[in-house]
PDB file of N, CA and C in Angstrom:
ATOM      1  N   MET A   1     -18.482 -11.576 -14.633  1.00  0.00           N
ATOM      2  CA  MET A   1     -18.018 -10.720 -15.707  1.00  0.00           C
ATOM      3  C   MET A   1     -17.678 -11.602 -16.894  1.00  0.00           C
ATOM      4  N   SER A   2     -18.137 -11.226 -18.064  1.00  0.00           N
ATOM      5  CA  SER A   2     -17.845 -12.024 -19.240  1.00  0.00           C
ATOM      6  C   SER A   2     -17.450 -11.111 -20.391  1.00  0.00           C
ATOM      7  N   LEU A   3     -16.866 -11.711 -21.411  1.00  0.00           N
ATOM      8  CA  LEU A   3     -16.472 -10.936 -22.579  1.00  0.00           C
ATOM      9  C   LEU A   3     -17.711 -10.384 -23.272  1.00  0.00           C
ATOM     10  N   PRO A   4     -17.610  -9.170 -23.818  1.00  0.00           N
ATOM     11  CA  PRO A   4     -18.749  -8.622 -24.547  1.00  0.00           C
ATOM     12  C   PRO A   4     -19.085  -9.506 -25.733  1.00  0.00           C
ATOM     13  N   ALA A   5     -20.375  -9.660 -26.016  1.00  0.00           N
ATOM     14  CA  ALA A   5     -20.803 -10.481 -27.137  1.00  0.00           C
ATOM     15  C   ALA A   5     -20.313  -9.886 -28.452  1.00  0.00           C
ATOM     16  N   ASP A   6     -20.293  -8.573 -28.549  1.00  0.00           N
ATOM     17  CA  ASP A   6     -19.870  -7.918 -29.779  1.00  0.00           C
ATOM     18  C   ASP A   6     -18.838  -6.845 -29.425  1.00  0.00           C
ATOM     19  N   THR A   7     -17.579  -7.241 -29.451  1.00  0.00           N
ATOM     20  CA  THR A   7     -16.508  -6.330 -29.056  1.00  0.00           C
ATOM     21  C   THR A   7     -16.420  -5.137 -30.011  1.00  0.00           C
ATOM     22  N   ARG A   8     -16.722  -5.361 -31.283  1.00  0.00           N
ATOM     23  CA  ARG A   8     -16.695  -4.249 -32.243  1.00  0.00           C
ATOM     24  C   ARG A   8     -17.728  -3.182 -31.842  1.00  0.00           C
ATOM     25  N   ALA A   9     -18.916  -3.605 -31.451  1.00  0.00           N
ATOM     26  CA  ALA A   9     -19.938  -2.649 -31.027  1.00  0.00           C
ATOM     27  C   ALA A   9     -19.492  -1.900 -29.775  1.00  0.00           C
ATOM     28  N   LEU A  10     -18.821  -2.609 -28.861  1.00  0.00           N
ATOM     29  CA  LEU A  10     -18.301  -1.977 -27.654  1.00  0.00           C
ATOM     30  C   LEU A  10     -17.265  -0.921 -28.022  1.00  0.00           C
ATOM     31  N   MET A  11     -16.344  -1.266 -28.931  1.00  0.00           N
ATOM     32  CA  MET A  11     -15.323  -0.319 -29.376  1.00  0.00           C
ATOM     33  C   MET A  11     -15.966   0.918 -30.004  1.00  0.00           C
ATOM     34  N   GLU A  12     -16.944   0.693 -30.854  1.00  0.00           N
ATOM     35  CA  GLU A  12     -17.610   1.811 -31.526  1.00  0.00           C
ATOM     36  C   GLU A  12     -18.337   2.705 -30.527  1.00  0.00           C
ATOM     37  N   ALA A  13     -19.015   2.097 -29.569  1.00  0.00           N
ATOM     38  CA  ALA A  13     -19.755   2.887 -28.580  1.00  0.00           C
ATOM     39  C   ALA A  13     -18.805   3.683 -27.686  1.00  0.00           C
ATOM     40  N   GLN A  14     -17.734   3.030 -27.214  1.00  0.00           N
ATOM     41  CA  GLN A  14     -16.792   3.728 -26.343  1.00  0.00           C
ATOM     42  C   GLN A  14     -16.045   4.830 -27.079  1.00  0.00           C
ATOM     43  N   SER A  15     -15.634   4.568 -28.302  1.00  0.00           N
ATOM     44  CA  SER A  15     -14.911   5.599 -29.047  1.00  0.00           C
ATOM     45  C   SER A  15     -15.827   6.776 -29.359  1.00  0.00           C
ATOM     46  N   HIS A  16     -17.094   6.498 -29.648  1.00  0.00           N
ATOM     47  CA  HIS A  16     -18.042   7.589 -29.886  1.00  0.00           C
ATOM     48  C   HIS A  16     -18.232   8.423 -28.622  1.00  0.00           C
ATOM     49  N   TRP A  17     -18.411   7.745 -27.483  1.00  0.00           N
ATOM     50  CA  TRP A  17     -18.622   8.438 -26.210  1.00  0.00           C
ATOM     51  C   TRP A  17     -17.424   9.290 -25.842  1.00  0.00           C
ATOM     52  N   LEU A  18     -16.212   8.786 -26.151  1.00  0.00           N
ATOM     53  CA  LEU A  18     -14.986   9.521 -25.833  1.00  0.00           C
ATOM     54  C   LEU A  18     -14.612  10.543 -26.897  1.00  0.00           C
ATOM     55  N   GLY A  19     -15.326  10.533 -28.017  1.00  0.00           N
ATOM     56  CA  GLY A  19     -15.021  11.469 -29.092  1.00  0.00           C
ATOM     57  C   GLY A  19     -13.769  11.094 -29.859  1.00  0.00           C
ATOM     58  N   LEU A  20     -13.457   9.794 -29.919  1.00  0.00           N
ATOM     59  CA  LEU A  20     -12.263   9.317 -30.610  1.00  0.00           C
ATOM     60  C   LEU A  20     -12.623   8.781 -31.986  1.00  0.00           C
ATOM     61  N   THR A  21     -11.736   8.992 -32.923  1.00  0.00           N
ATOM     62  CA  THR A  21     -11.867   8.383 -34.232  1.00  0.00           C
ATOM     63  C   THR A  21     -10.787   7.314 -34.336  1.00  0.00           C
ATOM     64  N   ILE A  22     -11.207   6.095 -34.570  1.00  0.00           N
ATOM     65  CA  ILE A  22     -10.256   4.986 -34.699  1.00  0.00           C
ATOM     66  C   ILE A  22     -10.201   4.627 -36.177  1.00  0.00           C
ATOM     67  N   ALA A  23      -9.028   4.777 -36.758  1.00  0.00           N
ATOM     68  CA  ALA A  23      -8.841   4.486 -38.178  1.00  0.00           C
ATOM     69  C   ALA A  23      -9.176   3.019 -38.448  1.00  0.00           C
ATOM     70  N   PRO A  24      -9.773   2.741 -39.597  1.00  0.00           N
ATOM     71  CA  PRO A  24     -10.155   1.351 -39.905  1.00  0.00           C
ATOM     72  C   PRO A  24      -8.997   0.355 -39.790  1.00  0.00           C
ATOM     73  N   GLU A  25      -7.786   0.772 -40.161  1.00  0.00           N
ATOM     74  CA  GLU A  25      -6.650  -0.156 -40.084  1.00  0.00           C
ATOM     75  C   GLU A  25      -6.213  -0.428 -38.646  1.00  0.00           C
ATOM     76  N   HIS A  26      -6.638   0.404 -37.692  1.00  0.00           N
ATOM     77  CA  HIS A  26      -6.286   0.206 -36.283  1.00  0.00           C
ATOM     78  C   HIS A  26      -7.370  -0.562 -35.517  1.00  0.00           C
ATOM     79  N   GLN A  27      -8.544  -0.661 -36.081  1.00  0.00           N
ATOM     80  CA  GLN A  27      -9.658  -1.286 -35.370  1.00  0.00           C
ATOM     81  C   GLN A  27      -9.415  -2.744 -34.981  1.00  0.00           C
ATOM     82  N   PRO A  28      -8.815  -3.575 -35.841  1.00  0.00           N
ATOM     83  CA  PRO A  28      -8.564  -4.958 -35.393  1.00  0.00           C
ATOM     84  C   PRO A  28      -7.654  -5.022 -34.158  1.00  0.00           C
ATOM     85  N   GLY A  29      -6.654  -4.166 -34.090  1.00  0.00           N
ATOM     86  CA  GLY A  29      -5.773  -4.146 -32.924  1.00  0.00           C
ATOM     87  C   GLY A  29      -6.486  -3.676 -31.675  1.00  0.00           C
ATOM     88  N   VAL A  30      -7.350  -2.679 -31.823  1.00  0.00           N
ATOM     89  CA  VAL A  30      -8.117  -2.174 -30.676  1.00  0.00           C
ATOM     90  C   VAL A  30      -9.062  -3.259 -30.168  1.00  0.00           C
ATOM     91  N   ILE A  31      -9.707  -3.954 -31.079  1.00  0.00           N
ATOM     92  CA  ILE A  31     -10.621  -5.034 -30.688  1.00  0.00           C
ATOM     93  C   ILE A  31      -9.858  -6.141 -29.974  1.00  0.00           C
ATOM     94  N   THR A  32      -8.691  -6.511 -30.502  1.00  0.00           N
ATOM     95  CA  THR A  32      -7.862  -7.533 -29.857  1.00  0.00           C
ATOM     96  C   THR A  32      -7.480  -7.102 -28.451  1.00  0.00           C
ATOM     97  N   TYR A  33      -7.081  -5.831 -28.290  1.00  0.00           N
ATOM     98  CA  TYR A  33      -6.701  -5.337 -26.963  1.00  0.00           C
ATOM     99  C   TYR A  33      -7.900  -5.349 -26.005  1.00  0.00           C
ATOM    100  N   LEU A  34      -9.078  -4.926 -26.476  1.00  0.00           N
ATOM    101  CA  LEU A  34     -10.260  -4.928 -25.605  1.00  0.00           C
ATOM    102  C   LEU A  34     -10.579  -6.342 -25.119  1.00  0.00           C
ATOM    103  N   GLU A  35     -10.445  -7.325 -26.006  1.00  0.00           N
ATOM    104  CA  GLU A  35     -10.705  -8.706 -25.607  1.00  0.00           C
ATOM    105  C   GLU A  35      -9.659  -9.187 -24.604  1.00  0.00           C
ATOM    106  N   LEU A  36      -8.389  -8.829 -24.831  1.00  0.00           N
ATOM    107  CA  LEU A  36      -7.326  -9.191 -23.891  1.00  0.00           C
ATOM    108  C   LEU A  36      -7.556  -8.528 -22.535  1.00  0.00           C
ATOM    109  N   ALA A  37      -7.867  -7.239 -22.536  1.00  0.00           N
ATOM    110  CA  ALA A  37      -8.104  -6.516 -21.278  1.00  0.00           C
ATOM    111  C   ALA A  37      -9.295  -7.117 -20.531  1.00  0.00           C
ATOM    112  N   SER A  38     -10.318  -7.550 -21.260  1.00  0.00           N
ATOM    113  CA  SER A  38     -11.479  -8.170 -20.616  1.00  0.00           C
ATOM    114  C   SER A  38     -11.095  -9.473 -19.937  1.00  0.00           C
ATOM    115  N   ARG A  39     -10.254 -10.286 -20.605  1.00  0.00           N
ATOM    116  CA  ARG A  39      -9.822 -11.549 -19.998  1.00  0.00           C
ATOM    117  C   ARG A  39      -8.965 -11.293 -18.761  1.00  0.00           C
ATOM    118  N   ILE A  40      -8.088 -10.296 -18.817  1.00  0.00           N
ATOM    119  CA  ILE A  40      -7.265  -9.965 -17.655  1.00  0.00           C
ATOM    120  C   ILE A  40      -8.156  -9.496 -16.506  1.00  0.00           C
ATOM    121  N   ALA A  41      -9.131  -8.649 -16.819  1.00  0.00           N
ATOM    122  CA  ALA A  41     -10.041  -8.132 -15.787  1.00  0.00           C
ATOM    123  C   ALA A  41     -10.832  -9.259 -15.139  1.00  0.00           C
ATOM    124  N   MET A  42     -11.225 -10.255 -15.924  1.00  0.00           N
ATOM    125  CA  MET A  42     -11.964 -11.387 -15.345  1.00  0.00           C
ATOM    126  C   MET A  42     -11.104 -12.119 -14.316  1.00  0.00           C
ATOM    127  N   GLY A  43      -9.818 -12.284 -14.608  1.00  0.00           N
ATOM    128  CA  GLY A  43      -8.924 -12.935 -13.659  1.00  0.00           C
ATOM    129  C   GLY A  43      -8.751 -12.128 -12.389  1.00  0.00           C
ATOM    130  N   VAL A  44      -8.627 -10.822 -12.528  1.00  0.00           N
ATOM    131  CA  VAL A  44      -8.466  -9.944 -11.364  1.00  0.00           C
ATOM    132  C   VAL A  44      -9.743  -9.942 -10.529  1.00  0.00           C
ATOM    133  N   MET A  45     -10.880  -9.815 -11.185  1.00  0.00           N
ATOM    134  CA  MET A  45     -12.152  -9.734 -10.459  1.00  0.00           C
ATOM    135  C   MET A  45     -12.525 -11.059  -9.806  1.00  0.00           C
ATOM    136  N   ALA A  46     -11.972 -12.178 -10.277  1.00  0.00           N
ATOM    137  CA  ALA A  46     -12.277 -13.483  -9.691  1.00  0.00           C
ATOM    138  C   ALA A  46     -11.577 -13.685  -8.347  1.00  0.00           C
ATOM    139  N   HIS A  47     -10.580 -12.848  -8.056  1.00  0.00           N
ATOM    140  CA  HIS A  47      -9.839 -12.977  -6.804  1.00  0.00           C
ATOM    141  C   HIS A  47     -10.539 -12.143  -5.730  1.00  0.00           C
ATOM    142  N   PRO A  48     -11.096 -12.794  -4.717  1.00  0.00           N
ATOM    143  CA  PRO A  48     -11.804 -12.040  -3.675  1.00  0.00           C
ATOM    144  C   PRO A  48     -10.830 -11.223  -2.813  1.00  0.00           C
ATOM    145  N   LEU A  49     -11.267 -10.056  -2.426  1.00  0.00           N
ATOM    146  CA  LEU A  49     -10.466  -9.202  -1.554  1.00  0.00           C
ATOM    147  C   LEU A  49     -10.881  -9.410  -0.105  1.00  0.00           C
ATOM    148  N   GLU A  50      -9.906  -9.374   0.752  1.00  0.00           N
ATOM    149  CA  GLU A  50     -10.133  -9.457   2.189  1.00  0.00           C
ATOM    150  C   GLU A  50     -10.012  -8.050   2.767  1.00  0.00           C
ATOM    151  N   PRO A  51     -10.507  -7.820   3.984  1.00  0.00           N
ATOM    152  CA  PRO A  51     -10.380  -6.487   4.582  1.00  0.00           C
ATOM    153  C   PRO A  51      -8.934  -5.992   4.647  1.00  0.00           C
ATOM    154  N   VAL A  52      -7.978  -6.902   4.808  1.00  0.00           N
ATOM    155  CA  VAL A  52      -6.572  -6.474   4.872  1.00  0.00           C
ATOM    156  C   VAL A  52      -6.049  -6.008   3.519  1.00  0.00           C
ATOM    157  N   ASP A  53      -6.796  -6.283   2.449  1.00  0.00           N
ATOM    158  CA  ASP A  53      -6.382  -5.873   1.112  1.00  0.00           C
ATOM    159  C   ASP A  53      -6.780  -4.434   0.785  1.00  0.00           C
ATOM    160  N   GLU A  54      -7.539  -3.809   1.656  1.00  0.00           N
ATOM    161  CA  GLU A  54      -7.981  -2.441   1.399  1.00  0.00           C
ATOM    162  C   GLU A  54      -6.795  -1.482   1.471  1.00  0.00           C
ATOM    163  N   PRO A  55      -6.836  -0.412   0.680  1.00  0.00           N
ATOM    164  CA  PRO A  55      -5.731   0.552   0.716  1.00  0.00           C
ATOM    165  C   PRO A  55      -5.714   1.326   2.028  1.00  0.00           C
ATOM    166  N   ALA A  56      -4.581   1.894   2.327  1.00  0.00           N
ATOM    167  CA  ALA A  56      -4.446   2.713   3.535  1.00  0.00           C
ATOM    168  C   ALA A  56      -5.321   3.956   3.409  1.00  0.00           C
ATOM    169  N   ASN A  57      -5.736   4.499   4.545  1.00  0.00           N
ATOM    170  CA  ASN A  57      -6.562   5.701   4.526  1.00  0.00           C
ATOM    171  C   ASN A  57      -5.785   6.916   4.044  1.00  0.00           C
ATOM    172  N   VAL A  58      -4.508   6.966   4.392  1.00  0.00           N
ATOM    173  CA  VAL A  58      -3.685   8.120   4.039  1.00  0.00           C
ATOM    174  C   VAL A  58      -2.372   7.603   3.473  1.00  0.00           C
ATOM    175  N   PHE A  59      -1.981   8.148   2.338  1.00  0.00           N
ATOM    176  CA  PHE A  59      -0.690   7.804   1.745  1.00  0.00           C
ATOM    177  C   PHE A  59       0.279   8.937   2.043  1.00  0.00           C
ATOM    178  N   ILE A  60       1.367   8.597   2.717  1.00  0.00           N
ATOM    179  CA  ILE A  60       2.382   9.604   3.033  1.00  0.00           C
ATOM    180  C   ILE A  60       3.679   9.158   2.369  1.00  0.00           C
ATOM    181  N   PRO A  61       4.041   9.822   1.281  1.00  0.00           N
ATOM    182  CA  PRO A  61       5.273   9.424   0.594  1.00  0.00           C
ATOM    183  C   PRO A  61       6.488   9.755   1.443  1.00  0.00           C
ATOM    184  N   VAL A  62       7.511   8.954   1.284  1.00  0.00           N
ATOM    185  CA  VAL A  62       8.772   9.209   1.974  1.00  0.00           C
ATOM    186  C   VAL A  62       9.850   9.452   0.932  1.00  0.00           C
ATOM    187  N   GLU A  63      10.814  10.257   1.306  1.00  0.00           N
ATOM    188  CA  GLU A  63      11.910  10.563   0.400  1.00  0.00           C
ATOM    189  C   GLU A  63      12.832   9.346   0.323  1.00  0.00           C
ATOM    190  N   PRO A  64      13.233   8.953  -0.885  1.00  0.00           N
ATOM    191  CA  PRO A  64      14.114   7.784  -0.998  1.00  0.00           C
ATOM    192  C   PRO A  64      15.463   8.053  -0.333  1.00  0.00           C
ATOM    193  N   GLN A  65      15.995   7.005   0.257  1.00  0.00           N
ATOM    194  CA  GLN A  65      17.315   7.089   0.864  1.00  0.00           C
ATOM    195  C   GLN A  65      18.372   6.936  -0.229  1.00  0.00           C
ATOM    196  N   LEU A  66      19.235   7.910  -0.379  1.00  0.00           N
ATOM    197  CA  LEU A  66      20.284   7.841  -1.409  1.00  0.00           C
ATOM    198  C   LEU A  66      21.593   7.384  -0.846  1.00  0.00           C
TER     199      LEU A  66
END
């Protein structure tokens, strides 16, 4: 997994697909966040999962003890 070559194009494509309008003054912040999220995702994806890391088949919540 690597950073997109053109993060602005990625932002434009995703916002169009989602039907979002991103104001021009907000675009630099959105681009910065997309690049940050990509770097975080690369770190997460680089960590291999073992079978014991799989989620439980059934989640049964318990009431907190007060």
